PDB file of N, CA and C in Angstrom:
ATOM      1  N   UNK A   1     -39.681 -24.779  17.852  1.00  0.00           N
ATOM      2  CA  UNK A   1     -39.714 -24.720  16.615  1.00  0.00           C
ATOM      3  C   UNK A   1     -38.569 -25.615  16.096  1.00  0.00           C
ATOM      4  N   UNK A   2     -38.504 -26.272  15.275  1.00  0.00           N
ATOM      5  CA  UNK A   2     -37.194 -26.988  14.377  1.00  0.00           C
ATOM      6  C   UNK A   2     -37.013 -26.347  13.150  1.00  0.00           C
ATOM      7  N   UNK A   3     -35.810 -25.987  13.226  1.00  0.00           N
ATOM      8  CA  UNK A   3     -35.254 -25.045  12.006  1.00  0.00           C
ATOM      9  C   UNK A   3     -33.913 -25.555  11.936  1.00  0.00           C
ATOM     10  N   UNK A   4     -33.543 -25.875  10.364  1.00  0.00           N
ATOM     11  CA  UNK A   4     -31.907 -25.999  10.290  1.00  0.00           C
ATOM     12  C   UNK A   4     -31.624 -24.879   9.143  1.00  0.00           C
ATOM     13  N   UNK A   5     -30.446 -24.155   9.593  1.00  0.00           N
ATOM     14  CA  UNK A   5     -30.102 -23.225   8.503  1.00  0.00           C
ATOM     15  C   UNK A   5     -28.628 -23.295   8.476  1.00  0.00           C
ATOM     16  N   UNK A   6     -28.170 -22.972   7.399  1.00  0.00           N
ATOM     17  CA  UNK A   6     -26.741 -23.233   6.926  1.00  0.00           C
ATOM     18  C   UNK A   6     -25.881 -21.830   7.350  1.00  0.00           C
ATOM     19  N   UNK A   7     -25.079 -21.760   8.164  1.00  0.00           N
ATOM     20  CA  UNK A   7     -24.163 -20.629   8.635  1.00  0.00           C
ATOM     21  C   UNK A   7     -22.973 -20.691   8.154  1.00  0.00           C
ATOM     22  N   UNK A   8     -21.998 -19.635   7.977  1.00  0.00           N
ATOM     23  CA  UNK A   8     -20.652 -19.741   7.630  1.00  0.00           C
ATOM     24  C   UNK A   8     -20.009 -20.013   8.898  1.00  0.00           C
ATOM     25  N   UNK A   9     -18.645 -20.513   9.008  1.00  0.00           N
ATOM     26  CA  UNK A   9     -18.012 -20.467  10.319  1.00  0.00           C
ATOM     27  C   UNK A   9     -17.888 -19.670  10.929  1.00  0.00           C
ATOM     28  N   UNK A  10     -17.541 -18.480  10.467  1.00  0.00           N
ATOM     29  CA  UNK A  10     -17.567 -16.930  10.957  1.00  0.00           C
ATOM     30  C   UNK A  10     -18.952 -16.745  12.110  1.00  0.00           C
ATOM     31  N   UNK A  11     -19.771 -17.480  11.864  1.00  0.00           N
ATOM     32  CA  UNK A  11     -21.124 -17.321  12.688  1.00  0.00           C
ATOM     33  C   UNK A  11     -20.705 -17.600  14.106  1.00  0.00           C
ATOM     34  N   UNK A  12     -19.753 -18.399  14.205  1.00  0.00           N
ATOM     35  CA  UNK A  12     -19.338 -18.885  15.694  1.00  0.00           C
ATOM     36  C   UNK A  12     -18.680 -17.765  16.633  1.00  0.00           C
ATOM     37  N   UNK A  13     -18.460 -16.750  15.639  1.00  0.00           N
ATOM     38  CA  UNK A  13     -17.742 -15.661  16.496  1.00  0.00           C
ATOM     39  C   UNK A  13     -18.834 -14.734  17.113  1.00  0.00           C
ATOM     40  N   UNK A  14     -20.114 -14.780  16.674  1.00  0.00           N
ATOM     41  CA  UNK A  14     -21.066 -13.868  17.085  1.00  0.00           C
ATOM     42  C   UNK A  14     -21.748 -14.543  18.532  1.00  0.00           C
ATOM     43  N   UNK A  15     -21.473 -13.550  19.636  1.00  0.00           N
ATOM     44  CA  UNK A  15     -22.138 -14.015  20.651  1.00  0.00           C
ATOM     45  C   UNK A  15     -23.642 -14.337  20.548  1.00  0.00           C
ATOM     46  N   UNK A  16     -24.191 -13.087  19.861  1.00  0.00           N
ATOM     47  CA  UNK A  16     -25.845 -13.363  19.834  1.00  0.00           C
ATOM     48  C   UNK A  16     -26.213 -14.810  19.384  1.00  0.00           C
ATOM     49  N   UNK A  17     -25.545 -15.004  18.405  1.00  0.00           N
ATOM     50  CA  UNK A  17     -26.009 -16.421  17.478  1.00  0.00           C
ATOM     51  C   UNK A  17     -25.458 -17.416  18.467  1.00  0.00           C
ATOM     52  N   UNK A  18     -24.463 -17.591  18.815  1.00  0.00           N
ATOM     53  CA  UNK A  18     -24.107 -18.769  19.749  1.00  0.00           C
ATOM     54  C   UNK A  18     -24.863 -19.021  21.028  1.00  0.00           C
ATOM     55  N   UNK A  19     -25.396 -17.808  21.598  1.00  0.00           N
ATOM     56  CA  UNK A  19     -26.273 -17.972  22.720  1.00  0.00           C
ATOM     57  C   UNK A  19     -27.767 -18.457  22.343  1.00  0.00           C
ATOM     58  N   UNK A  20     -28.103 -18.347  21.001  1.00  0.00           N
ATOM     59  CA  UNK A  20     -29.228 -18.668  21.069  1.00  0.00           C
ATOM     60  C   UNK A  20     -29.543 -20.056  19.834  1.00  0.00           C
ATOM     61  N   UNK A  21     -28.461 -20.442  19.474  1.00  0.00           N
ATOM     62  CA  UNK A  21     -28.532 -21.554  18.585  1.00  0.00           C
ATOM     63  C   UNK A  21     -27.740 -22.682  19.130  1.00  0.00           C
ATOM     64  N   UNK A  22     -27.758 -23.868  18.558  1.00  0.00           N
ATOM     65  CA  UNK A  22     -27.060 -25.013  18.767  1.00  0.00           C
ATOM     66  C   UNK A  22     -26.634 -25.459  17.440  1.00  0.00           C
ATOM     67  N   UNK A  23     -25.294 -25.643  17.338  1.00  0.00           N
ATOM     68  CA  UNK A  23     -24.570 -25.923  15.947  1.00  0.00           C
ATOM     69  C   UNK A  23     -24.060 -27.450  15.582  1.00  0.00           C
ATOM     70  N   UNK A  24     -24.276 -27.978  14.851  1.00  0.00           N
ATOM     71  CA  UNK A  24     -23.784 -29.184  14.403  1.00  0.00           C
ATOM     72  C   UNK A  24     -22.969 -29.117  13.379  1.00  0.00           C
ATOM     73  N   UNK A  25     -21.592 -29.982  13.178  1.00  0.00           N
ATOM     74  CA  UNK A  25     -20.763 -29.904  12.319  1.00  0.00           C
ATOM     75  C   UNK A  25     -21.203 -30.847  11.234  1.00  0.00           C
ATOM     76  N   UNK A  26     -20.936 -30.712   9.930  1.00  0.00           N
ATOM     77  CA  UNK A  26     -21.266 -31.754   8.893  1.00  0.00           C
ATOM     78  C   UNK A  26     -19.865 -31.669   8.169  1.00  0.00           C
ATOM     79  N   UNK A  27     -19.643 -33.094   7.890  1.00  0.00           N
ATOM     80  CA  UNK A  27     -18.672 -33.435   7.325  1.00  0.00           C
ATOM     81  C   UNK A  27     -18.281 -33.184   5.798  1.00  0.00           C
ATOM     82  N   UNK A  28     -19.372 -33.465   5.436  1.00  0.00           N
ATOM     83  CA  UNK A  28     -19.712 -33.460   4.078  1.00  0.00           C
ATOM     84  C   UNK A  28     -19.451 -31.813   3.314  1.00  0.00           C
ATOM     85  N   UNK A  29     -18.874 -31.758   2.179  1.00  0.00           N
ATOM     86  CA  UNK A  29     -18.694 -30.492   1.583  1.00  0.00           C
ATOM     87  C   UNK A  29     -20.025 -30.100   1.067  1.00  0.00           C
ATOM     88  N   UNK A  30     -20.433 -28.597   1.304  1.00  0.00           N
ATOM     89  CA  UNK A  30     -21.489 -28.105   1.097  1.00  0.00           C
ATOM     90  C   UNK A  30     -21.298 -27.820  -0.637  1.00  0.00           C
ATOM     91  N   UNK A  31     -22.314 -28.232  -1.273  1.00  0.00           N
ATOM     92  CA  UNK A  31     -22.001 -27.633  -2.729  1.00  0.00           C
ATOM     93  C   UNK A  31     -22.213 -26.197  -3.143  1.00  0.00           C
ATOM     94  N   UNK A  32     -21.583 -25.398  -4.103  1.00  0.00           N
ATOM     95  CA  UNK A  32     -21.814 -24.541  -4.525  1.00  0.00           C
ATOM     96  C   UNK A  32     -23.339 -23.898  -4.681  1.00  0.00           C
ATOM     97  N   UNK A  33     -23.572 -22.820  -4.357  1.00  0.00           N
ATOM     98  CA  UNK A  33     -24.893 -22.445  -4.467  1.00  0.00           C
ATOM     99  C   UNK A  33     -25.174 -20.903  -5.514  1.00  0.00           C
ATOM    100  N   UNK A  34     -25.996 -20.557  -6.056  1.00  0.00           N
ATOM    101  CA  UNK A  34     -26.276 -19.345  -6.716  1.00  0.00           C
ATOM    102  C   UNK A  34     -26.763 -18.381  -5.650  1.00  0.00           C
ATOM    103  N   UNK A  35     -25.970 -17.313  -5.750  1.00  0.00           N
ATOM    104  CA  UNK A  35     -26.134 -16.178  -4.864  1.00  0.00           C
ATOM    105  C   UNK A  35     -26.978 -15.284  -5.565  1.00  0.00           C
ATOM    106  N   UNK A  36     -27.839 -14.510  -5.085  1.00  0.00           N
ATOM    107  CA  UNK A  36     -28.881 -13.470  -5.880  1.00  0.00           C
ATOM    108  C   UNK A  36     -29.078 -12.580  -4.878  1.00  0.00           C
ATOM    109  N   UNK A  37     -28.824 -11.334  -5.481  1.00  0.00           N
ATOM    110  CA  UNK A  37     -28.867  -9.976  -4.650  1.00  0.00           C
ATOM    111  C   UNK A  37     -30.100  -9.148  -5.435  1.00  0.00           C
ATOM    112  N   UNK A  38     -31.262  -9.227  -4.945  1.00  0.00           N
ATOM    113  CA  UNK A  38     -32.422  -8.651  -5.424  1.00  0.00           C
ATOM    114  C   UNK A  38     -33.027  -7.406  -4.674  1.00  0.00           C
ATOM    115  N   UNK A  39     -33.056  -6.370  -5.425  1.00  0.00           N
ATOM    116  CA  UNK A  39     -33.570  -4.946  -4.798  1.00  0.00           C
ATOM    117  C   UNK A  39     -34.620  -4.422  -5.705  1.00  0.00           C
ATOM    118  N   UNK A  40     -35.359  -3.820  -5.034  1.00  0.00           N
ATOM    119  CA  UNK A  40     -36.476  -3.355  -5.641  1.00  0.00           C
ATOM    120  C   UNK A  40     -36.106  -2.119  -6.602  1.00  0.00           C
ATOM    121  N   UNK A  41     -35.332  -1.315  -5.785  1.00  0.00           N
ATOM    122  CA  UNK A  41     -34.890   0.058  -6.389  1.00  0.00           C
ATOM    123  C   UNK A  41     -33.701   0.378  -5.648  1.00  0.00           C
ATOM    124  N   UNK A  42     -32.541   0.131  -6.012  1.00  0.00           N
ATOM    125  CA  UNK A  42     -31.275   0.527  -5.454  1.00  0.00           C
ATOM    126  C   UNK A  42     -31.166   1.969  -4.486  1.00  0.00           C
ATOM    127  N   UNK A  43     -31.792   2.674  -5.211  1.00  0.00           N
ATOM    128  CA  UNK A  43     -31.860   4.295  -4.668  1.00  0.00           C
ATOM    129  C   UNK A  43     -32.820   4.393  -3.513  1.00  0.00           C
ATOM    130  N   UNK A  44     -33.649   3.520  -2.976  1.00  0.00           N
ATOM    131  CA  UNK A  44     -34.536   3.475  -1.986  1.00  0.00           C
ATOM    132  C   UNK A  44     -33.894   2.716  -1.035  1.00  0.00           C
ATOM    133  N   UNK A  45     -32.767   2.304  -0.990  1.00  0.00           N
ATOM    134  CA  UNK A  45     -31.898   1.483   0.141  1.00  0.00           C
ATOM    135  C   UNK A  45     -31.600   2.397   1.279  1.00  0.00           C
ATOM    136  N   UNK A  46     -31.723   2.001   2.317  1.00  0.00           N
ATOM    137  CA  UNK A  46     -30.927   2.762   3.568  1.00  0.00           C
ATOM    138  C   UNK A  46     -29.552   2.934   3.412  1.00  0.00           C
ATOM    139  N   UNK A  47     -28.719   3.609   3.898  1.00  0.00           N
ATOM    140  CA  UNK A  47     -27.545   3.725   3.963  1.00  0.00           C
ATOM    141  C   UNK A  47     -26.610   2.427   4.359  1.00  0.00           C
ATOM    142  N   UNK A  48     -27.208   2.024   5.271  1.00  0.00           N
ATOM    143  CA  UNK A  48     -26.380   0.449   5.681  1.00  0.00           C
ATOM    144  C   UNK A  48     -26.567  -0.581   4.461  1.00  0.00           C
ATOM    145  N   UNK A  49     -27.942  -0.617   3.906  1.00  0.00           N
ATOM    146  CA  UNK A  49     -28.428  -1.686   3.081  1.00  0.00           C
ATOM    147  C   UNK A  49     -27.459  -1.477   1.827  1.00  0.00           C
ATOM    148  N   UNK A  50     -27.482  -0.155   1.546  1.00  0.00           N
ATOM    149  CA  UNK A  50     -26.750   0.183   0.238  1.00  0.00           C
ATOM    150  C   UNK A  50     -25.092   0.120   0.320  1.00  0.00           C
ATOM    151  N   UNK A  51     -24.597   0.270   1.643  1.00  0.00           N
ATOM    152  CA  UNK A  51     -22.998  -0.279   1.715  1.00  0.00           C
ATOM    153  C   UNK A  51     -22.779  -2.050   1.628  1.00  0.00           C
ATOM    154  N   UNK A  52     -23.865  -2.508   2.282  1.00  0.00           N
ATOM    155  CA  UNK A  52     -24.010  -3.983   2.397  1.00  0.00           C
ATOM    156  C   UNK A  52     -24.313  -4.525   0.845  1.00  0.00           C
ATOM    157  N   UNK A  53     -25.109  -3.886  -0.090  1.00  0.00           N
ATOM    158  CA  UNK A  53     -25.295  -4.039  -1.358  1.00  0.00           C
ATOM    159  C   UNK A  53     -23.844  -4.075  -2.237  1.00  0.00           C
ATOM    160  N   UNK A  54     -23.215  -2.846  -1.688  1.00  0.00           N
ATOM    161  CA  UNK A  54     -21.854  -2.486  -2.619  1.00  0.00           C
ATOM    162  C   UNK A  54     -20.932  -3.572  -2.183  1.00  0.00           C
ATOM    163  N   UNK A  55     -21.003  -4.028  -0.974  1.00  0.00           N
ATOM    164  CA  UNK A  55     -19.965  -4.958  -0.596  1.00  0.00           C
ATOM    165  C   UNK A  55     -20.027  -6.106  -1.079  1.00  0.00           C
ATOM    166  N   UNK A  56     -21.182  -6.799  -1.096  1.00  0.00           N
ATOM    167  CA  UNK A  56     -21.343  -7.900  -1.589  1.00  0.00           C
ATOM    168  C   UNK A  56     -21.041  -8.020  -3.084  1.00  0.00           C
ATOM    169  N   UNK A  57     -21.444  -7.204  -3.574  1.00  0.00           N
ATOM    170  CA  UNK A  57     -21.384  -7.049  -5.062  1.00  0.00           C
ATOM    171  C   UNK A  57     -19.765  -7.169  -5.513  1.00  0.00           C
ATOM    172  N   UNK A  58     -18.941  -6.243  -4.650  1.00  0.00           N
ATOM    173  CA  UNK A  58     -17.539  -6.114  -4.892  1.00  0.00           C
ATOM    174  C   UNK A  58     -16.923  -7.451  -4.551  1.00  0.00           C
ATOM    175  N   UNK A  59     -17.216  -8.083  -3.496  1.00  0.00           N
ATOM    176  CA  UNK A  59     -16.774  -9.432  -3.149  1.00  0.00           C
ATOM    177  C   UNK A  59     -16.965 -10.494  -3.991  1.00  0.00           C
ATOM    178  N   UNK A  60     -18.213 -10.460  -4.827  1.00  0.00           N
ATOM    179  CA  UNK A  60     -18.649 -11.695  -5.462  1.00  0.00           C
ATOM    180  C   UNK A  60     -17.847 -11.360  -7.054  1.00  0.00           C
ATOM    181  N   UNK A  61     -17.607 -10.257  -7.256  1.00  0.00           N
ATOM    182  CA  UNK A  61     -17.294  -9.735  -8.680  1.00  0.00           C
ATOM    183  C   UNK A  61     -16.071 -10.102  -9.418  1.00  0.00           C
ATOM    184  N   UNK A  62     -15.103 -10.481  -8.267  1.00  0.00           N
ATOM    185  CA  UNK A  62     -13.849 -11.086  -8.779  1.00  0.00           C
ATOM    186  C   UNK A  62     -13.764 -12.543  -8.877  1.00  0.00           C
ATOM    187  N   UNK A  63     -14.736 -13.349  -8.226  1.00  0.00           N
ATOM    188  CA  UNK A  63     -14.765 -14.575  -8.433  1.00  0.00           C
ATOM    189  C   UNK A  63     -15.988 -15.159  -9.194  1.00  0.00           C
ATOM    190  N   UNK A  64     -16.915 -14.133  -9.560  1.00  0.00           N
ATOM    191  CA  UNK A  64     -18.164 -14.395 -10.284  1.00  0.00           C
ATOM    192  C   UNK A  64     -18.556 -13.451 -11.061  1.00  0.00           C
ATOM    193  N   UNK A  65     -17.654 -13.186 -12.214  1.00  0.00           N
ATOM    194  CA  UNK A  65     -18.188 -12.076 -12.885  1.00  0.00           C
ATOM    195  C   UNK A  65     -19.565 -12.169 -13.499  1.00  0.00           C
ATOM    196  N   UNK A  66     -20.135 -11.145 -13.964  1.00  0.00           N
ATOM    197  CA  UNK A  66     -21.656 -10.876 -14.334  1.00  0.00           C
ATOM    198  C   UNK A  66     -21.509 -11.823 -16.054  1.00  0.00           C
ATOM    199  N   UNK A  67     -22.440 -12.462 -16.323  1.00  0.00           N
ATOM    200  CA  UNK A  67     -22.560 -13.059 -17.684  1.00  0.00           C
ATOM    201  C   UNK A  67     -22.057 -11.859 -18.764  1.00  0.00           C
ATOM    202  N   UNK A  68     -21.326 -12.102 -19.487  1.00  0.00           N
ATOM    203  CA  UNK A  68     -21.125 -11.361 -20.618  1.00  0.00           C
ATOM    204  C   UNK A  68     -19.912 -10.609 -20.536  1.00  0.00           C
ATOM    205  N   UNK A  69     -19.547 -10.362 -19.283  1.00  0.00           N
ATOM    206  CA  UNK A  69     -18.187  -9.746 -18.718  1.00  0.00           C
ATOM    207  C   UNK A  69     -17.195 -10.616 -18.475  1.00  0.00           C
ATOM    208  N   UNK A  70     -16.552 -11.186 -19.157  1.00  0.00           N
ATOM    209  CA  UNK A  70     -15.424 -12.078 -18.694  1.00  0.00           C
ATOM    210  C   UNK A  70     -14.336 -11.470 -17.632  1.00  0.00           C
ATOM    211  N   UNK A  71     -14.073 -12.294 -16.819  1.00  0.00           N
ATOM    212  CA  UNK A  71     -12.987 -11.804 -15.825  1.00  0.00           C
ATOM    213  C   UNK A  71     -11.833 -11.315 -16.298  1.00  0.00           C
ATOM    214  N   UNK A  72     -11.311 -10.103 -15.723  1.00  0.00           N
ATOM    215  CA  UNK A  72     -10.207  -9.648 -16.178  1.00  0.00           C
ATOM    216  C   UNK A  72      -8.646 -10.775 -15.996  1.00  0.00           C
ATOM    217  N   UNK A  73      -8.023 -10.723 -17.269  1.00  0.00           N
ATOM    218  CA  UNK A  73      -6.848 -11.762 -16.780  1.00  0.00           C
ATOM    219  C   UNK A  73      -5.775 -11.434 -15.763  1.00  0.00           C
TER     220      UNK A  73
END
């Protein structure tokens, strides 16, 4: 199967990934993308999924505050 996916440079640190994929380097800058985190009901997430949800929101909140909530000075 031919597939192309974008992965971060941190992916090179995963033995699982590097043993199963071939990597190509791209010199062109990757444009900004919109990141969406969609859950049906936050309260039905597993413990691990809830921790991931919280970590993603926390990591993105400082750089990309939600609309209507201006970033703190």
